[in-house]
Amino acid sequence: MERKSRTVVPKERVDALGTREQLLRYLKLMVLIRRFEEKAGEMYLRAKIGGYLHLNIGEEGTVVGSVSALEERDYLYTSYRDHGYAIARGVNPKAVMAELFGKATGCSQGRGGSMHLFDARVHFLGGYGIVAAHIPVATGTALAATYRGTDEVTMCIFGEGATNIGAFHEGLNVAKLWRLPVVFVCTNNIYGMGTAVNRASAVSEIYRKACAYDIAAERVDGMDVLAVRDACLRGVERARKESEPTLIETMTYRYRGHSMADPARYRSEAEVRWWRERDPILTLETKLKEQGMVTQEEMDDIEANVERVVEESVEFADRSPAPSLDDLYKNVYAESEGR
């Protein structure tokens, strides 16, 4: 079949969606995160990755949309489903894959693994394995910005299950009480492990919980990267200009189980199929094609480039050394007795 010629659209073109350059960046990032996660799942099954592995597959619209609202000087925290957020924030995919492999070249030097990615250079501060534990920590980072008198914003990502835990309520209460520049983003993927949100939370519309603390809140389609971006931009602007917190709930879905150990038998094939039809990558790709901003040839190029990046990240992780025993006590604050 003869390929169509490339669409010629000025890079500075702006419409209701955004510039072509911005939109293609979102699309490339979502495809990269999807293929990276698929490869990570494959490496887990090949025993290259140990421990737990929680994949973002299906949630790329929320991942890229939320992170795209931040500026370089802002801070990002997230929970253990963190690979996509790290990549979207600018952590090198090679360093992420190496960390999953437990190698010294990983972004946490092989000490964190899948659930504890970290890279202070891009203000990505984790990767937290304990549900909701990072919410007060992120709130503290926002407090630090007010002490320093800067206009840095902190964004804190967590799942809907975290909103039933005390740390969530404590964090929101303090954020409002002290007027802190923080944006709380709840990625509601319907299930906390294998339990549906309406069976675990008395209020299943998570954004409504913000009213108890007089915090601005909204719920958006988490499968639409642009809807998430716009909501998070509003939250970031409120934090930066008014020093007020926001709670944003994104309705999204994970196509895989809670982790690689979860067969996800608690949901129907019809349900999964319904969400797949609203896939965030296909949704944006369709919009761009309708706007004449991307061709199938360009999509093929994106896929090829992403495949190369992902394969290179695996090769890098494979070749990298394991952490040295000589560094066993590195970054430990106090020496252990009997060392």
C-alpha atoms as a PDB file:
ATOM      1  CA  MET A   1       0.000   0.000   0.000  1.00  0.00           C
ATOM      2  CA  GLU A   2       1.317   3.430  -0.930  1.00  0.00           C
ATOM      3  CA  ARG A   3       1.964   5.637   2.063  1.00  0.00           C
ATOM      4  CA  LYS A   4       0.447   9.072   2.241  1.00  0.00           C
ATOM      5  CA  SER A   5       2.780  12.030   2.304  1.00  0.00           C
ATOM      6  CA  ARG A   6       3.579  13.639   5.633  1.00  0.00           C
ATOM      7  CA  THR A   7       1.183  16.260   6.887  1.00  0.00           C
ATOM      8  CA  VAL A   8       2.734  19.713   6.816  1.00  0.00           C
ATOM      9  CA  VAL A   9       1.536  21.660   9.862  1.00  0.00           C
ATOM     10  CA  PRO A  10       3.478  24.617  11.265  1.00  0.00           C
ATOM     11  CA  LYS A  11       5.001  23.735  14.636  1.00  0.00           C
ATOM     12  CA  GLU A  12       3.676  26.954  16.115  1.00  0.00           C
ATOM     13  CA  ARG A  13       0.089  26.102  15.195  1.00  0.00           C
ATOM     14  CA  VAL A  14      -2.199  26.368  18.221  1.00  0.00           C
ATOM     15  CA  ASP A  15      -5.835  25.324  18.492  1.00  0.00           C
ATOM     16  CA  ALA A  16      -8.098  24.050  21.263  1.00  0.00           C
ATOM     17  CA  LEU A  17      -5.873  21.000  21.725  1.00  0.00           C
ATOM     18  CA  GLY A  18      -2.456  22.667  21.892  1.00  0.00           C
ATOM     19  CA  THR A  19       0.537  23.033  19.617  1.00  0.00           C
ATOM     20  CA  ARG A  20       1.511  20.193  17.331  1.00  0.00           C
ATOM     21  CA  GLU A  21       4.841  19.930  19.129  1.00  0.00           C
ATOM     22  CA  GLN A  22       3.142  19.550  22.523  1.00  0.00           C
ATOM     23  CA  LEU A  23       0.630  17.001  21.321  1.00  0.00           C
ATOM     24  CA  LEU A  24       3.189  14.845  19.554  1.00  0.00           C
ATOM     25  CA  ARG A  25       5.304  14.908  22.723  1.00  0.00           C
ATOM     26  CA  TYR A  26       2.344  13.604  24.738  1.00  0.00           C
ATOM     27  CA  LEU A  27       1.689  10.905  22.164  1.00  0.00           C
ATOM     28  CA  LYS A  28       5.327   9.785  22.024  1.00  0.00           C
ATOM     29  CA  LEU A  29       5.546   9.680  25.818  1.00  0.00           C
ATOM     30  CA  MET A  30       2.399   7.579  26.136  1.00  0.00           C
ATOM     31  CA  VAL A  31       3.614   5.115  23.510  1.00  0.00           C
ATOM     32  CA  LEU A  32       7.027   4.945  25.212  1.00  0.00           C
ATOM     33  CA  ILE A  33       5.485   4.266  28.612  1.00  0.00           C
ATOM     34  CA  ARG A  34       3.159   1.605  27.159  1.00  0.00           C
ATOM     35  CA  ARG A  35       5.959  -0.248  25.362  1.00  0.00           C
ATOM     36  CA  PHE A  36       8.327   0.137  28.331  1.00  0.00           C
ATOM     37  CA  GLU A  37       5.750  -1.393  30.663  1.00  0.00           C
ATOM     38  CA  GLU A  38       5.010  -4.239  28.280  1.00  0.00           C
ATOM     39  CA  LYS A  39       8.727  -4.984  28.081  1.00  0.00           C
ATOM     40  CA  ALA A  40       9.040  -4.762  31.870  1.00  0.00           C
ATOM     41  CA  GLY A  41       6.285  -7.354  32.192  1.00  0.00           C
ATOM     42  CA  GLU A  42       8.153  -9.592  29.781  1.00  0.00           C
ATOM     43  CA  MET A  43      11.398  -9.182  31.727  1.00  0.00           C
ATOM     44  CA  TYR A  44       9.569 -10.019  34.960  1.00  0.00           C
ATOM     45  CA  LEU A  45       8.327 -13.300  33.463  1.00  0.00           C
ATOM     46  CA  ARG A  46      11.907 -14.033  32.388  1.00  0.00           C
ATOM     47  CA  ALA A  47      13.037 -13.514  36.014  1.00  0.00           C
ATOM     48  CA  LYS A  48      15.148 -10.484  35.102  1.00  0.00           C
ATOM     49  CA  ILE A  49      13.070  -8.416  37.534  1.00  0.00           C
ATOM     50  CA  GLY A  50      12.381  -9.593  41.064  1.00  0.00           C
ATOM     51  CA  GLY A  51       9.947  -8.614  43.798  1.00  0.00           C
ATOM     52  CA  TYR A  52       6.694  -6.914  42.858  1.00  0.00           C
ATOM     53  CA  LEU A  53       5.907  -5.172  39.579  1.00  0.00           C
ATOM     54  CA  HIS A  54       2.932  -2.814  39.196  1.00  0.00           C
ATOM     55  CA  LEU A  55       2.323  -1.672  35.614  1.00  0.00           C
ATOM     56  CA  ASN A  56       0.794   1.582  34.317  1.00  0.00           C
ATOM     57  CA  ILE A  57      -0.635  -0.022  31.157  1.00  0.00           C
ATOM     58  CA  GLY A  58      -3.926   1.728  30.391  1.00  0.00           C
ATOM     59  CA  GLU A  59      -3.237   4.716  32.652  1.00  0.00           C
ATOM     60  CA  GLU A  60      -0.901   6.608  30.313  1.00  0.00           C
ATOM     61  CA  GLY A  61      -3.382   9.451  29.784  1.00  0.00           C
ATOM     62  CA  THR A  62      -3.384  10.220  33.490  1.00  0.00           C
ATOM     63  CA  VAL A  63       0.380   9.770  33.786  1.00  0.00           C
ATOM     64  CA  VAL A  64       1.388  12.084  30.936  1.00  0.00           C
ATOM     65  CA  GLY A  65      -1.463  14.531  31.431  1.00  0.00           C
ATOM     66  CA  SER A  66      -0.685  15.151  35.089  1.00  0.00           C
ATOM     67  CA  VAL A  67       3.102  15.393  34.753  1.00  0.00           C
ATOM     68  CA  SER A  68       2.863  17.680  31.714  1.00  0.00           C
ATOM     69  CA  ALA A  69       1.257  20.348  33.904  1.00  0.00           C
ATOM     70  CA  LEU A  70       4.425  20.698  35.983  1.00  0.00           C
ATOM     71  CA  GLU A  71       7.396  22.945  35.326  1.00  0.00           C
ATOM     72  CA  GLU A  72      11.018  21.927  35.861  1.00  0.00           C
ATOM     73  CA  ARG A  73      11.219  23.562  39.274  1.00  0.00           C
ATOM     74  CA  ASP A  74       8.187  21.656  40.614  1.00  0.00           C
ATOM     75  CA  TYR A  75       8.232  18.390  42.595  1.00  0.00           C
ATOM     76  CA  LEU A  76       6.551  15.061  41.947  1.00  0.00           C
ATOM     77  CA  TYR A  77       5.690  12.211  44.311  1.00  0.00           C
ATOM     78  CA  THR A  78       3.858   9.021  43.447  1.00  0.00           C
ATOM     79  CA  SER A  79       3.071   5.591  44.804  1.00  0.00           C
ATOM     80  CA  TYR A  80       4.494   2.225  43.772  1.00  0.00           C
ATOM     81  CA  ARG A  81       2.931   2.276  40.263  1.00  0.00           C
ATOM     82  CA  ASP A  82       5.688   4.666  39.379  1.00  0.00           C
ATOM     83  CA  HIS A  83       7.573   3.647  36.214  1.00  0.00           C
ATOM     84  CA  GLY A  84       5.494   5.757  33.836  1.00  0.00           C
ATOM     85  CA  TYR A  85       5.621   8.809  36.076  1.00  0.00           C
ATOM     86  CA  ALA A  86       9.403   8.593  36.337  1.00  0.00           C
ATOM     87  CA  ILE A  87       9.779   8.433  32.556  1.00  0.00           C
ATOM     88  CA  ALA A  88       7.261  11.233  31.996  1.00  0.00           C
ATOM     89  CA  ARG A  89       9.143  13.402  34.488  1.00  0.00           C
ATOM     90  CA  GLY A  90      12.389  12.924  32.585  1.00  0.00           C
ATOM     91  CA  VAL A  91      14.155  10.001  34.232  1.00  0.00           C
ATOM     92  CA  ASN A  92      16.176   8.145  31.594  1.00  0.00           C
ATOM     93  CA  PRO A  93      14.396   4.892  30.603  1.00  0.00           C
ATOM     94  CA  LYS A  94      17.760   3.128  30.817  1.00  0.00           C
ATOM     95  CA  ALA A  95      18.089   4.154  34.458  1.00  0.00           C
ATOM     96  CA  VAL A  96      14.521   3.047  35.165  1.00  0.00           C
ATOM     97  CA  MET A  97      15.007  -0.386  33.575  1.00  0.00           C
ATOM     98  CA  ALA A  98      18.348  -0.806  35.331  1.00  0.00           C
ATOM     99  CA  GLU A  99      16.632  -0.082  38.643  1.00  0.00           C
ATOM    100  CA  LEU A 100      13.999  -2.700  37.883  1.00  0.00           C
ATOM    101  CA  PHE A 101      16.854  -5.123  37.254  1.00  0.00           C
ATOM    102  CA  GLY A 102      18.412  -4.118  40.586  1.00  0.00           C
ATOM    103  CA  LYS A 103      21.583  -2.794  38.955  1.00  0.00           C
ATOM    104  CA  ALA A 104      24.011  -0.167  40.245  1.00  0.00           C
ATOM    105  CA  THR A 105      23.262   2.088  37.254  1.00  0.00           C
ATOM    106  CA  GLY A 106      19.600   2.330  38.224  1.00  0.00           C
ATOM    107  CA  CYS A 107      18.097   5.655  39.249  1.00  0.00           C
ATOM    108  CA  SER A 108      18.129   4.455  42.876  1.00  0.00           C
ATOM    109  CA  GLN A 109      21.467   2.643  42.445  1.00  0.00           C
ATOM    110  CA  GLY A 110      19.769  -0.735  42.561  1.00  0.00           C
ATOM    111  CA  ARG A 111      18.521  -0.207  46.105  1.00  0.00           C
ATOM    112  CA  GLY A 112      14.916   0.702  45.380  1.00  0.00           C
ATOM    113  CA  GLY A 113      13.635  -1.612  42.696  1.00  0.00           C
ATOM    114  CA  SER A 114      10.268  -1.178  41.035  1.00  0.00           C
ATOM    115  CA  MET A 115       8.423   0.529  43.881  1.00  0.00           C
ATOM    116  CA  HIS A 116      11.083   3.034  44.933  1.00  0.00           C
ATOM    117  CA  LEU A 117      12.284   4.924  41.870  1.00  0.00           C
ATOM    118  CA  PHE A 118      13.925   8.259  42.670  1.00  0.00           C
ATOM    119  CA  ASP A 119      15.774  10.993  40.800  1.00  0.00           C
ATOM    120  CA  ALA A 120      16.319  14.293  42.589  1.00  0.00           C
ATOM    121  CA  ARG A 121      17.874  15.833  39.465  1.00  0.00           C
ATOM    122  CA  VAL A 122      14.447  16.058  37.839  1.00  0.00           C
ATOM    123  CA  HIS A 123      12.622  16.629  41.161  1.00  0.00           C
ATOM    124  CA  PHE A 124      11.103  13.140  41.053  1.00  0.00           C
ATOM    125  CA  LEU A 125      11.051  12.198  44.743  1.00  0.00           C
ATOM    126  CA  GLY A 126       9.512   8.697  44.625  1.00  0.00           C
ATOM    127  CA  GLY A 127       8.138   5.926  44.326  1.00  0.00           C
ATOM    128  CA  TYR A 128       6.588   4.907  47.732  1.00  0.00           C
ATOM    129  CA  GLY A 129       5.632   1.332  48.589  1.00  0.00           C
ATOM    130  CA  ILE A 130       3.387   2.035  51.592  1.00  0.00           C
ATOM    131  CA  VAL A 131      -0.097   3.138  50.571  1.00  0.00           C
ATOM    132  CA  ALA A 132      -0.686   6.860  51.306  1.00  0.00           C
ATOM    133  CA  ALA A 133       2.596   7.216  53.229  1.00  0.00           C
ATOM    134  CA  HIS A 134       3.944   9.742  50.754  1.00  0.00           C
ATOM    135  CA  ILE A 135       1.000  12.139  51.051  1.00  0.00           C
ATOM    136  CA  PRO A 136       2.246  13.805  54.260  1.00  0.00           C
ATOM    137  CA  VAL A 137       5.802  13.816  52.844  1.00  0.00           C
ATOM    138  CA  ALA A 138       4.645  15.624  49.702  1.00  0.00           C
ATOM    139  CA  THR A 139       2.653  18.034  51.860  1.00  0.00           C
ATOM    140  CA  GLY A 140       5.884  18.730  53.758  1.00  0.00           C
ATOM    141  CA  THR A 141       7.686  19.536  50.519  1.00  0.00           C
ATOM    142  CA  ALA A 142       4.972  22.091  49.735  1.00  0.00           C
ATOM    143  CA  LEU A 143       5.450  23.531  53.225  1.00  0.00           C
ATOM    144  CA  ALA A 144       9.190  23.847  52.558  1.00  0.00           C
ATOM    145  CA  ALA A 145       8.441  25.926  49.456  1.00  0.00           C
ATOM    146  CA  THR A 146       6.405  28.371  51.526  1.00  0.00           C
ATOM    147  CA  TYR A 147       9.238  28.650  54.073  1.00  0.00           C
ATOM    148  CA  ARG A 148      11.725  29.379  51.299  1.00  0.00           C
ATOM    149  CA  GLY A 149       9.367  31.864  49.696  1.00  0.00           C
ATOM    150  CA  THR A 150       9.554  30.174  46.284  1.00  0.00           C
ATOM    151  CA  ASP A 151       6.715  29.450  43.872  1.00  0.00           C
ATOM    152  CA  GLU A 152       7.494  25.739  43.472  1.00  0.00           C
ATOM    153  CA  VAL A 153       4.482  23.419  43.303  1.00  0.00           C
ATOM    154  CA  THR A 154       4.333  19.864  44.612  1.00  0.00           C
ATOM    155  CA  MET A 155       2.190  17.230  42.903  1.00  0.00           C
ATOM    156  CA  CYS A 156       1.275  14.054  44.753  1.00  0.00           C
ATOM    157  CA  ILE A 157      -0.129  11.032  42.876  1.00  0.00           C
ATOM    158  CA  PHE A 158      -1.960   8.187  44.643  1.00  0.00           C
ATOM    159  CA  GLY A 159      -4.677   5.607  44.043  1.00  0.00           C
ATOM    160  CA  GLU A 160      -8.249   5.715  45.273  1.00  0.00           C
ATOM    161  CA  GLY A 161      -7.470   3.154  47.972  1.00  0.00           C
ATOM    162  CA  ALA A 162      -5.174   5.679  49.658  1.00  0.00           C
ATOM    163  CA  THR A 163      -8.113   7.987  50.334  1.00  0.00           C
ATOM    164  CA  ASN A 164      -9.452   5.640  53.016  1.00  0.00           C
ATOM    165  CA  ILE A 165      -6.259   5.950  55.047  1.00  0.00           C
ATOM    166  CA  GLY A 166      -5.574   8.521  57.747  1.00  0.00           C
ATOM    167  CA  ALA A 167      -2.510   9.977  56.032  1.00  0.00           C
ATOM    168  CA  PHE A 168      -4.712  11.193  53.167  1.00  0.00           C
ATOM    169  CA  HIS A 169      -7.014  13.132  55.487  1.00  0.00           C
ATOM    170  CA  GLU A 170      -4.131  14.476  57.564  1.00  0.00           C
ATOM    171  CA  GLY A 171      -2.329  15.663  54.444  1.00  0.00           C
ATOM    172  CA  LEU A 172      -5.357  17.443  52.984  1.00  0.00           C
ATOM    173  CA  ASN A 173      -6.261  19.009  56.317  1.00  0.00           C
ATOM    174  CA  VAL A 174      -2.775  20.464  56.843  1.00  0.00           C
ATOM    175  CA  ALA A 175      -2.518  21.550  53.193  1.00  0.00           C
ATOM    176  CA  LYS A 176      -5.680  23.632  53.515  1.00  0.00           C
ATOM    177  CA  LEU A 177      -5.017  24.829  57.056  1.00  0.00           C
ATOM    178  CA  TRP A 178      -1.577  26.160  56.115  1.00  0.00           C
ATOM    179  CA  ARG A 179      -2.468  27.064  52.515  1.00  0.00           C
ATOM    180  CA  LEU A 180       0.175  24.942  50.838  1.00  0.00           C
ATOM    181  CA  PRO A 181       0.981  24.860  47.082  1.00  0.00           C
ATOM    182  CA  VAL A 182       0.201  21.198  46.478  1.00  0.00           C
ATOM    183  CA  VAL A 183      -1.884  19.364  43.878  1.00  0.00           C
ATOM    184  CA  PHE A 184      -3.239  15.998  45.000  1.00  0.00           C
ATOM    185  CA  VAL A 185      -4.049  13.701  42.063  1.00  0.00           C
ATOM    186  CA  CYS A 186      -6.071  10.548  42.753  1.00  0.00           C
ATOM    187  CA  THR A 187      -5.806   7.992  39.951  1.00  0.00           C
ATOM    188  CA  ASN A 188      -9.066   6.133  40.419  1.00  0.00           C
ATOM    189  CA  ASN A 189      -8.608   2.905  38.460  1.00  0.00           C
ATOM    190  CA  ILE A 190     -11.740   1.401  40.050  1.00  0.00           C
ATOM    191  CA  TYR A 191      -9.959  -1.316  42.032  1.00  0.00           C
ATOM    192  CA  GLY A 192      -7.789  -1.260  45.139  1.00  0.00           C
ATOM    193  CA  MET A 193      -5.966  -4.521  44.528  1.00  0.00           C
ATOM    194  CA  GLY A 194      -9.006  -6.753  43.852  1.00  0.00           C
ATOM    195  CA  THR A 195     -11.672  -4.740  45.659  1.00  0.00           C
ATOM    196  CA  ALA A 196     -13.939  -2.369  43.726  1.00  0.00           C
ATOM    197  CA  VAL A 197     -13.971   1.201  45.019  1.00  0.00           C
ATOM    198  CA  ASN A 198     -17.700   1.132  45.797  1.00  0.00           C
ATOM    199  CA  ARG A 199     -17.108  -1.805  48.139  1.00  0.00           C
ATOM    200  CA  ALA A 200     -14.250  -0.131  49.980  1.00  0.00           C
ATOM    201  CA  SER A 201     -15.179   3.557  50.225  1.00  0.00           C
ATOM    202  CA  ALA A 202     -18.401   4.988  51.644  1.00  0.00           C
ATOM    203  CA  VAL A 203     -17.936   7.836  49.140  1.00  0.00           C
ATOM    204  CA  SER A 204     -16.864   6.315  45.823  1.00  0.00           C
ATOM    205  CA  GLU A 205     -16.673   9.684  44.043  1.00  0.00           C
ATOM    206  CA  ILE A 206     -13.298  10.532  45.501  1.00  0.00           C
ATOM    207  CA  TYR A 207     -13.240  14.221  44.561  1.00  0.00           C
ATOM    208  CA  ARG A 208     -16.195  14.797  46.912  1.00  0.00           C
ATOM    209  CA  LYS A 209     -13.973  13.972  49.895  1.00  0.00           C
ATOM    210  CA  ALA A 210     -12.197  17.306  49.410  1.00  0.00           C
ATOM    211  CA  CYS A 211     -15.237  19.257  50.601  1.00  0.00           C
ATOM    212  CA  ALA A 212     -14.523  18.169  54.191  1.00  0.00           C
ATOM    213  CA  TYR A 213     -11.411  20.349  54.019  1.00  0.00           C
ATOM    214  CA  ASP A 214     -12.818  23.154  51.856  1.00  0.00           C
ATOM    215  CA  ILE A 215     -10.414  22.227  49.062  1.00  0.00           C
ATOM    216  CA  ALA A 216     -11.143  22.836  45.371  1.00  0.00           C
ATOM    217  CA  ALA A 217     -11.738  19.548  43.561  1.00  0.00           C
ATOM    218  CA  GLU A 218     -12.822  18.094  40.253  1.00  0.00           C
ATOM    219  CA  ARG A 219     -13.220  14.748  38.515  1.00  0.00           C
ATOM    220  CA  VAL A 220     -11.959  14.248  34.947  1.00  0.00           C
ATOM    221  CA  ASP A 221     -11.707  11.541  32.301  1.00  0.00           C
ATOM    222  CA  GLY A 222      -8.351   9.947  33.068  1.00  0.00           C
ATOM    223  CA  MET A 223      -8.233   8.265  29.668  1.00  0.00           C
ATOM    224  CA  ASP A 224      -8.086  11.681  27.976  1.00  0.00           C
ATOM    225  CA  VAL A 225      -4.563  13.079  28.336  1.00  0.00           C
ATOM    226  CA  LEU A 226      -5.732  16.589  27.432  1.00  0.00           C
ATOM    227  CA  ALA A 227      -8.555  16.618  29.973  1.00  0.00           C
ATOM    228  CA  VAL A 228      -6.105  15.538  32.668  1.00  0.00           C
ATOM    229  CA  ARG A 229      -3.543  18.114  31.541  1.00  0.00           C
ATOM    230  CA  ASP A 230      -6.068  20.938  31.649  1.00  0.00           C
ATOM    231  CA  ALA A 231      -7.385  19.979  35.095  1.00  0.00           C
ATOM    232  CA  CYS A 232      -3.865  19.685  36.483  1.00  0.00           C
ATOM    233  CA  LEU A 233      -2.875  23.022  34.917  1.00  0.00           C
ATOM    234  CA  ARG A 234      -5.758  24.618  36.813  1.00  0.00           C
ATOM    235  CA  GLY A 235      -4.573  22.990  40.012  1.00  0.00           C
ATOM    236  CA  VAL A 236      -0.961  24.014  39.463  1.00  0.00           C
ATOM    237  CA  GLU A 237      -1.975  27.597  38.725  1.00  0.00           C
ATOM    238  CA  ARG A 238      -4.075  27.716  41.907  1.00  0.00           C
ATOM    239  CA  ALA A 239      -1.143  26.379  43.917  1.00  0.00           C
ATOM    240  CA  ARG A 240       1.415  28.744  42.379  1.00  0.00           C
ATOM    241  CA  LYS A 241      -0.619  31.933  42.369  1.00  0.00           C
ATOM    242  CA  GLU A 242      -2.912  31.487  45.363  1.00  0.00           C
ATOM    243  CA  SER A 243      -0.960  28.975  47.494  1.00  0.00           C
ATOM    244  CA  GLU A 244      -4.063  26.792  47.707  1.00  0.00           C
ATOM    245  CA  PRO A 245      -4.296  22.982  47.410  1.00  0.00           C
ATOM    246  CA  THR A 246      -6.437  21.068  44.900  1.00  0.00           C
ATOM    247  CA  LEU A 247      -7.723  17.497  44.678  1.00  0.00           C
ATOM    248  CA  ILE A 248      -8.135  16.073  41.178  1.00  0.00           C
ATOM    249  CA  GLU A 249      -9.688  12.652  40.575  1.00  0.00           C
ATOM    250  CA  THR A 250      -8.892  11.008  37.247  1.00  0.00           C
ATOM    251  CA  MET A 251     -11.112   8.127  36.168  1.00  0.00           C
ATOM    252  CA  THR A 252      -8.729   5.651  34.572  1.00  0.00           C
ATOM    253  CA  TYR A 253      -8.156   1.908  34.290  1.00  0.00           C
ATOM    254  CA  ARG A 254      -5.320  -0.580  34.463  1.00  0.00           C
ATOM    255  CA  TYR A 255      -5.566  -3.294  31.822  1.00  0.00           C
ATOM    256  CA  ARG A 256      -3.420  -5.705  33.837  1.00  0.00           C
ATOM    257  CA  GLY A 257      -3.918  -6.907  37.384  1.00  0.00           C
ATOM    258  CA  HIS A 258      -2.875  -4.970  40.459  1.00  0.00           C
ATOM    259  CA  SER A 259       0.603  -6.449  40.043  1.00  0.00           C
ATOM    260  CA  MET A 260       2.174  -9.148  37.892  1.00  0.00           C
ATOM    261  CA  ALA A 261       1.117 -11.628  40.591  1.00  0.00           C
ATOM    262  CA  ASP A 262      -2.567 -10.735  40.135  1.00  0.00           C
ATOM    263  CA  PRO A 263      -4.595 -12.694  37.510  1.00  0.00           C
ATOM    264  CA  ALA A 264      -7.435 -10.109  37.844  1.00  0.00           C
ATOM    265  CA  ARG A 265     -10.268 -12.641  37.898  1.00  0.00           C
ATOM    266  CA  TYR A 266     -12.475 -10.233  39.868  1.00  0.00           C
ATOM    267  CA  ARG A 267     -13.547  -8.329  36.737  1.00  0.00           C
ATOM    268  CA  SER A 268     -15.233  -9.335  33.501  1.00  0.00           C
ATOM    269  CA  GLU A 269     -13.776  -9.409  30.012  1.00  0.00           C
ATOM    270  CA  ALA A 270     -16.592  -7.093  28.919  1.00  0.00           C
ATOM    271  CA  GLU A 271     -15.506  -4.501  31.469  1.00  0.00           C
ATOM    272  CA  VAL A 272     -11.893  -4.594  30.341  1.00  0.00           C
ATOM    273  CA  ARG A 273     -12.985  -4.400  26.710  1.00  0.00           C
ATOM    274  CA  TRP A 274     -15.177  -1.333  27.460  1.00  0.00           C
ATOM    275  CA  TRP A 275     -12.182   0.514  28.896  1.00  0.00           C
ATOM    276  CA  ARG A 276      -9.820  -0.601  26.128  1.00  0.00           C
ATOM    277  CA  GLU A 277     -12.151   1.001  23.601  1.00  0.00           C
ATOM    278  CA  ARG A 278     -11.341   4.291  25.348  1.00  0.00           C
ATOM    279  CA  ASP A 279      -7.597   3.720  25.205  1.00  0.00           C
ATOM    280  CA  PRO A 280      -5.723   6.998  25.881  1.00  0.00           C
ATOM    281  CA  ILE A 281      -3.166   6.461  23.124  1.00  0.00           C
ATOM    282  CA  LEU A 282      -5.736   5.656  20.451  1.00  0.00           C
ATOM    283  CA  THR A 283      -7.915   8.558  21.634  1.00  0.00           C
ATOM    284  CA  LEU A 284      -5.146  11.119  21.162  1.00  0.00           C
ATOM    285  CA  GLU A 285      -3.900   9.519  17.929  1.00  0.00           C
ATOM    286  CA  THR A 286      -7.412   9.760  16.474  1.00  0.00           C
ATOM    287  CA  LYS A 287      -7.732  13.411  17.497  1.00  0.00           C
ATOM    288  CA  LEU A 288      -4.404  14.299  15.904  1.00  0.00           C
ATOM    289  CA  LYS A 289      -5.244  12.520  12.673  1.00  0.00           C
ATOM    290  CA  GLU A 290      -8.596  14.314  12.521  1.00  0.00           C
ATOM    291  CA  GLN A 291      -6.759  17.630  13.013  1.00  0.00           C
ATOM    292  CA  GLY A 292      -4.226  16.761  10.317  1.00  0.00           C
ATOM    293  CA  MET A 293      -1.389  16.818  12.838  1.00  0.00           C
ATOM    294  CA  VAL A 294      -0.024  13.301  12.333  1.00  0.00           C
ATOM    295  CA  THR A 295       0.012  10.642   9.617  1.00  0.00           C
ATOM    296  CA  GLN A 296       0.199   6.873   9.843  1.00  0.00           C
ATOM    297  CA  GLU A 297       3.748   7.063   8.520  1.00  0.00           C
ATOM    298  CA  GLU A 298       4.685   9.311  11.434  1.00  0.00           C
ATOM    299  CA  MET A 299       2.975   6.904  13.854  1.00  0.00           C
ATOM    300  CA  ASP A 300       5.061   4.078  12.408  1.00  0.00           C
ATOM    301  CA  ASP A 301       8.177   6.170  12.975  1.00  0.00           C
ATOM    302  CA  ILE A 302       7.159   6.834  16.573  1.00  0.00           C
ATOM    303  CA  GLU A 303       6.646   3.122  17.209  1.00  0.00           C
ATOM    304  CA  ALA A 304      10.016   2.270  15.646  1.00  0.00           C
ATOM    305  CA  ASN A 305      11.876   4.876  17.691  1.00  0.00           C
ATOM    306  CA  VAL A 306      10.160   3.798  20.889  1.00  0.00           C
ATOM    307  CA  GLU A 307      11.006   0.165  20.201  1.00  0.00           C
ATOM    308  CA  ARG A 308      14.655   1.129  19.813  1.00  0.00           C
ATOM    309  CA  VAL A 309      14.673   3.093  23.090  1.00  0.00           C
ATOM    310  CA  VAL A 310      13.059   0.236  25.001  1.00  0.00           C
ATOM    311  CA  GLU A 311      15.411  -2.390  23.593  1.00  0.00           C
ATOM    312  CA  GLU A 312      18.398  -0.190  24.402  1.00  0.00           C
ATOM    313  CA  SER A 313      17.155   0.174  27.982  1.00  0.00           C
ATOM    314  CA  VAL A 314      17.023  -3.613  28.375  1.00  0.00           C
ATOM    315  CA  GLU A 315      20.495  -4.035  26.878  1.00  0.00           C
ATOM    316  CA  PHE A 316      21.832  -1.350  29.202  1.00  0.00           C
ATOM    317  CA  ALA A 317      20.259  -2.973  32.252  1.00  0.00           C
ATOM    318  CA  ASP A 318      21.552  -6.402  31.263  1.00  0.00           C
ATOM    319  CA  ARG A 319      25.124  -5.139  30.832  1.00  0.00           C
ATOM    320  CA  SER A 320      25.152  -3.067  33.996  1.00  0.00           C
ATOM    321  CA  PRO A 321      26.870  -4.351  37.142  1.00  0.00           C
ATOM    322  CA  ALA A 322      25.102  -5.334  40.331  1.00  0.00           C
ATOM    323  CA  PRO A 323      25.674  -3.056  43.335  1.00  0.00           C
ATOM    324  CA  SER A 324      29.046  -3.710  44.950  1.00  0.00           C
ATOM    325  CA  LEU A 325      29.246  -5.188  48.434  1.00  0.00           C
ATOM    326  CA  ASP A 326      31.710  -2.402  49.169  1.00  0.00           C
ATOM    327  CA  ASP A 327      28.770   0.015  48.901  1.00  0.00           C
ATOM    328  CA  LEU A 328      26.521  -1.947  51.246  1.00  0.00           C
ATOM    329  CA  TYR A 329      26.575   0.800  53.886  1.00  0.00           C
ATOM    330  CA  LYS A 330      26.505   3.712  51.465  1.00  0.00           C
ATOM    331  CA  ASN A 331      23.719   6.214  52.221  1.00  0.00           C
ATOM    332  CA  VAL A 332      23.098   4.638  55.626  1.00  0.00           C
ATOM    333  CA  TYR A 333      22.920   7.371  58.221  1.00  0.00           C
ATOM    334  CA  ALA A 334      24.321   5.372  61.134  1.00  0.00           C
ATOM    335  CA  GLU A 335      26.677   2.413  61.177  1.00  0.00           C
ATOM    336  CA  SER A 336      25.292  -0.833  62.533  1.00  0.00           C
ATOM    337  CA  GLU A 337      26.921  -2.446  65.556  1.00  0.00           C
ATOM    338  CA  GLY A 338      28.956  -5.515  64.843  1.00  0.00           C
ATOM    339  CA  ARG A 339      29.720  -4.434  61.312  1.00  0.00           C
END
